């Protein structure tokens, strides 16, 4: 239904979580769950609070957006990733946390999608692709990430542009890493998704030495401040010495 694999680290198998006993709603991260997120990130990367927050956001937004990014790119389907529809747990520290969706999470589709004729209660038919992208922005950004963005900004005084740069790069990488299995132009798909979120000015797509597209960031995730500094591929500070 969502156009994603059953074996993606950071996401529950098949995305849906049928036994929710050990899971918590992701909306808690903008409130009482924020301490757990930052403590887990600090332990995972041995990072000081600003870097822990930046890296936690980077990891979280990548895994969170991926079902909608791949759903749009592969099948023009958008699971509505609101803070209440998304569930999380911290039992596996390797991807920092694992995300899944409640059964019955709504999914937006186009009128010509076979799901539009299914009459399933969770299927929402929208008139066109612009409306589909509006659902992407509303559910992912307005009803999920914006409250978390504000909470992180208030807690550690990270710039919102810095954080949104990681969202922008995460969306782009989600498409590029799956490009061989996706139809159409990766650059066009990325451009449409980033415009929908209003973060299109925070990265550039550039050719790597093999000629494949890669991401050049205009903001930094602060990984260079870790005890063992890391400068990510495409980082904006890479050429500044």
Protein backbone atom coordinates (compact mmCIF):
# COMPACT_ATOMS: atom_id res chain seq x y z
CA UNK A 1 0.00 0.00 0.00
CA UNK A 2 2.79 2.46 0.87
CA UNK A 3 5.31 1.54 -1.83
CA UNK A 4 8.05 0.66 0.69
CA UNK A 5 10.11 -2.42 1.49
CA UNK A 6 9.43 -4.77 4.38
CA UNK A 7 13.08 -4.56 5.53
CA UNK A 8 14.13 -0.95 6.07
CA UNK A 9 16.16 -0.18 9.22
CA UNK A 10 14.44 2.42 11.36
CA UNK A 11 10.94 1.40 10.21
CA UNK A 12 8.65 -1.34 11.46
CA UNK A 13 8.20 -4.28 9.03
CA UNK A 14 5.46 -3.35 6.55
CA UNK A 15 5.22 -0.04 8.48
CA UNK A 16 2.07 -1.01 10.37
CA UNK A 17 2.32 -1.81 14.11
CA UNK A 18 -0.39 -4.26 15.10
CA UNK A 19 0.76 -4.86 18.67
CA UNK A 20 1.15 -1.33 20.01
CA UNK A 21 1.84 -2.21 23.66
CA UNK A 22 5.54 -1.25 23.56
CA UNK A 23 5.11 1.74 21.26
CA UNK A 24 4.36 5.38 22.03
CA UNK A 25 2.89 8.13 19.82
CA UNK A 26 5.53 10.28 18.17
CA UNK A 27 3.65 13.42 19.22
CA UNK A 28 5.21 12.95 22.68
CA UNK A 29 8.61 13.96 21.29
CA UNK A 30 7.55 17.60 21.22
CA UNK A 31 6.75 17.37 24.94
CA UNK A 32 7.60 14.82 27.61
CA UNK A 33 9.43 12.54 25.16
CA UNK A 34 11.98 15.16 24.13
CA UNK A 35 14.33 14.34 27.02
CA UNK A 36 14.40 10.67 25.98
CA UNK A 37 15.16 11.60 22.38
CA UNK A 38 18.04 13.90 23.36
CA UNK A 39 19.44 11.50 25.97
CA UNK A 40 19.37 8.63 23.45
CA UNK A 41 21.10 10.77 20.83
CA UNK A 42 23.72 11.98 23.32
CA UNK A 43 24.52 8.38 24.28
CA UNK A 44 24.44 7.16 20.68
CA UNK A 45 26.91 9.77 19.37
CA UNK A 46 28.67 10.85 22.61
CA UNK A 47 27.50 14.32 21.66
CA UNK A 48 26.99 17.60 23.48
CA UNK A 49 23.35 18.85 23.60
CA UNK A 50 23.36 20.99 20.41
CA UNK A 51 24.95 18.25 18.32
CA UNK A 52 22.78 15.57 19.94
CA UNK A 53 19.68 17.58 19.04
CA UNK A 54 20.84 18.24 15.47
CA UNK A 55 21.76 14.59 14.85
CA UNK A 56 18.59 13.30 16.51
CA UNK A 57 16.51 15.54 14.24
CA UNK A 58 18.52 14.48 11.19
CA UNK A 59 18.01 10.76 11.88
CA UNK A 60 14.39 11.16 12.91
CA UNK A 61 13.29 13.24 9.95
CA UNK A 62 14.97 10.88 7.47
CA UNK A 63 13.15 7.78 8.73
CA UNK A 64 9.91 9.64 9.34
CA UNK A 65 9.66 11.17 5.87
CA UNK A 66 10.81 8.06 4.01
CA UNK A 67 7.40 6.29 3.73
CA UNK A 68 5.79 9.40 2.27
CA UNK A 69 8.80 10.20 0.07
CA UNK A 70 8.90 6.70 -1.41
CA UNK A 71 5.12 6.43 -1.47
CA UNK A 72 4.88 9.57 -3.61
CA UNK A 73 7.84 8.71 -5.82
CA UNK A 74 6.79 5.13 -6.51
CA UNK A 75 3.00 5.15 -6.45
CA UNK A 76 1.72 8.70 -5.82
CA UNK A 77 0.48 7.61 -2.39
CA UNK A 78 1.01 9.63 0.79
CA UNK A 79 0.58 8.05 4.22
CA UNK A 80 -0.47 10.84 6.57
CA UNK A 81 2.44 10.96 9.00
CA UNK A 82 0.93 13.07 11.77
CA UNK A 83 2.33 12.90 15.29
CA UNK A 84 -0.60 10.75 16.42
CA UNK A 85 -0.53 8.35 13.45
CA UNK A 86 3.20 7.63 13.87
CA UNK A 87 4.40 5.35 16.68
CA UNK A 88 7.96 4.98 18.02
CA UNK A 89 10.20 2.96 20.30
CA UNK A 90 13.85 3.27 21.36
CA UNK A 91 14.66 -0.43 21.86
CA UNK A 92 17.08 -0.59 18.91
CA UNK A 93 19.71 2.17 19.27
CA UNK A 94 21.37 1.58 15.90
CA UNK A 95 18.96 3.79 13.95
CA UNK A 96 18.38 5.77 17.21
CA UNK A 97 14.71 4.81 17.21
CA UNK A 98 12.21 2.78 15.20
CA UNK A 99 9.05 4.23 13.69
CA UNK A 100 5.82 2.61 12.58
CA UNK A 101 2.23 3.53 11.77
CA UNK A 102 -0.98 2.80 13.59
CA UNK A 103 -3.30 0.38 11.77
CA UNK A 104 -5.84 2.46 9.91
CA UNK A 105 -3.47 5.36 9.29
CA UNK A 106 -5.04 7.39 6.48
CA UNK A 107 -3.40 7.40 3.08
CA UNK A 108 -4.01 10.02 0.40
CA UNK A 109 -4.31 8.79 -3.20
CA UNK A 110 -5.29 10.12 -6.62
CA UNK A 111 -8.65 9.35 -8.27
CA UNK A 112 -7.06 6.92 -10.76
CA UNK A 113 -5.36 4.87 -8.02
CA UNK A 114 -6.87 1.37 -7.57
CA UNK A 115 -7.13 2.12 -3.86
CA UNK A 116 -9.55 4.93 -4.69
CA UNK A 117 -12.13 2.25 -5.61
CA UNK A 118 -11.46 0.09 -2.56
CA UNK A 119 -13.84 1.96 -0.25
CA UNK A 120 -11.43 1.37 2.62
CA UNK A 121 -12.09 3.87 5.40
CA UNK A 122 -8.44 4.94 5.64
CA UNK A 123 -8.18 5.87 1.94
CA UNK A 124 -8.60 9.58 1.18
CA UNK A 125 -9.00 10.52 -2.47
CA UNK A 126 -7.62 13.94 -3.46
CA UNK A 127 -8.19 15.57 -6.85
CA UNK A 128 -4.63 15.95 -8.17
CA UNK A 129 -0.93 15.80 -7.38
CA UNK A 130 -0.81 19.32 -5.96
CA UNK A 131 -3.48 18.34 -3.45
CA UNK A 132 -1.50 15.18 -2.70
CA UNK A 133 1.61 17.26 -1.97
CA UNK A 134 -0.48 19.60 0.19
CA UNK A 135 -1.44 16.57 2.30
CA UNK A 136 2.25 15.67 2.50
CA UNK A 137 3.10 19.10 3.87
CA UNK A 138 0.15 19.30 6.24
CA UNK A 139 0.60 15.89 7.82
CA UNK A 140 4.39 15.70 7.92
CA UNK A 141 5.28 19.31 8.67
CA UNK A 142 2.35 21.19 10.20
CA UNK A 143 0.96 18.28 12.23
CA UNK A 144 4.20 16.58 13.20
CA UNK A 145 7.59 18.17 12.63
CA UNK A 146 6.83 21.84 13.32
CA UNK A 147 6.00 21.24 17.03
CA UNK A 148 9.18 19.16 17.40
CA UNK A 149 11.22 21.79 15.54
CA UNK A 150 9.97 24.48 17.90
CA UNK A 151 10.68 22.34 20.97
CA UNK A 152 14.27 21.64 19.86
CA UNK A 153 14.83 25.28 18.96
CA UNK A 154 13.65 26.38 22.39
CA UNK A 155 15.63 23.70 24.24
CA UNK A 156 19.06 24.02 22.62
CA UNK A 157 18.72 27.23 20.57
CA UNK A 158 19.54 25.56 17.28
CA UNK A 159 18.64 27.60 14.25
CA UNK A 160 15.53 26.40 12.47
CA UNK A 161 17.30 26.77 9.12
CA UNK A 162 19.99 24.34 10.34
CA UNK A 163 17.35 21.78 11.29
CA UNK A 164 15.27 22.21 8.14
CA UNK A 165 18.44 21.69 6.09
CA UNK A 166 18.59 18.14 7.43
CA UNK A 167 14.95 17.57 6.49
CA UNK A 168 15.70 18.82 2.99
CA UNK A 169 18.75 16.58 2.57
CA UNK A 170 16.92 13.59 4.08
CA UNK A 171 14.10 13.85 1.55
CA UNK A 172 16.62 14.12 -1.30
CA UNK A 173 18.67 11.17 -0.09
CA UNK A 174 15.52 9.08 0.31
CA UNK A 175 14.82 9.49 -3.39
CA UNK A 176 18.41 9.18 -4.61
CA UNK A 177 19.15 6.00 -2.64
CA UNK A 178 16.12 4.36 -4.26
CA UNK A 179 16.51 5.93 -7.69
CA UNK A 180 17.18 2.68 -9.52
CA UNK A 181 13.80 1.33 -8.41
CA UNK A 182 11.75 4.49 -8.91
CA UNK A 183 10.07 5.76 -12.07
CA UNK A 184 10.68 9.17 -13.56
CA UNK A 185 13.28 11.82 -12.89
CA UNK A 186 14.81 11.80 -9.40
CA UNK A 187 15.67 15.49 -9.67
CA UNK A 188 12.10 16.41 -10.58
CA UNK A 189 10.64 14.27 -7.78
CA UNK A 190 13.00 15.81 -5.23
CA UNK A 191 12.23 19.31 -6.43
CA UNK A 192 8.48 18.78 -6.09
CA UNK A 193 8.74 17.29 -2.60
CA UNK A 194 11.07 20.01 -1.35
CA UNK A 195 8.92 22.78 -2.79
CA UNK A 196 5.91 21.29 -1.04
CA UNK A 197 7.77 21.51 2.28
CA UNK A 198 9.24 24.96 1.55
CA UNK A 199 12.85 23.74 1.97
CA UNK A 200 13.98 23.72 -1.66
CA UNK A 201 16.66 26.38 -1.08
CA UNK A 202 18.60 24.38 1.55
CA UNK A 203 20.33 21.87 -0.75
CA UNK A 204 21.58 21.58 -4.31
CA UNK A 205 21.76 18.46 -6.44
CA UNK A 206 25.22 18.09 -7.98
CA UNK A 207 26.85 15.32 -10.02
CA UNK A 208 29.32 13.07 -8.20
CA UNK A 209 32.51 11.80 -9.96
CA UNK A 210 30.50 8.99 -11.58
CA UNK A 211 27.92 11.42 -12.92
CA UNK A 212 25.15 10.37 -10.53
CA UNK A 213 23.30 13.03 -8.58
CA UNK A 214 24.42 13.78 -5.04
CA UNK A 215 23.33 16.24 -2.34
CA UNK A 216 25.24 19.42 -1.53
CA UNK A 217 23.96 20.87 1.73
CA UNK A 218 23.82 24.57 2.64
CA UNK A 219 23.57 23.89 6.39
CA UNK A 220 25.50 21.61 8.77
CA UNK A 221 24.25 18.83 11.07
CA UNK A 222 27.11 19.53 13.57
CA UNK A 223 28.66 16.08 13.20
CA UNK A 224 32.05 17.81 12.98
CA UNK A 225 31.71 18.67 16.70
CA UNK A 226 31.63 15.02 17.83
CA UNK A 227 34.54 13.60 19.90
CA UNK A 228 35.57 11.84 16.69
CA UNK A 229 34.70 14.59 14.21
CA UNK A 230 32.83 13.64 11.08
CA UNK A 231 32.39 15.80 8.00
CA UNK A 232 29.53 14.35 6.00
CA UNK A 233 29.64 13.96 2.25
CA UNK A 234 28.10 17.09 0.78
CA UNK A 235 28.54 19.12 3.98
CA UNK A 236 28.67 22.89 3.53
CA UNK A 237 31.87 23.14 5.63
CA UNK A 238 33.82 20.51 3.70
CA UNK A 239 35.66 23.01 1.55
CA UNK A 240 36.19 25.59 4.26
CA UNK A 241 39.04 23.80 6.01
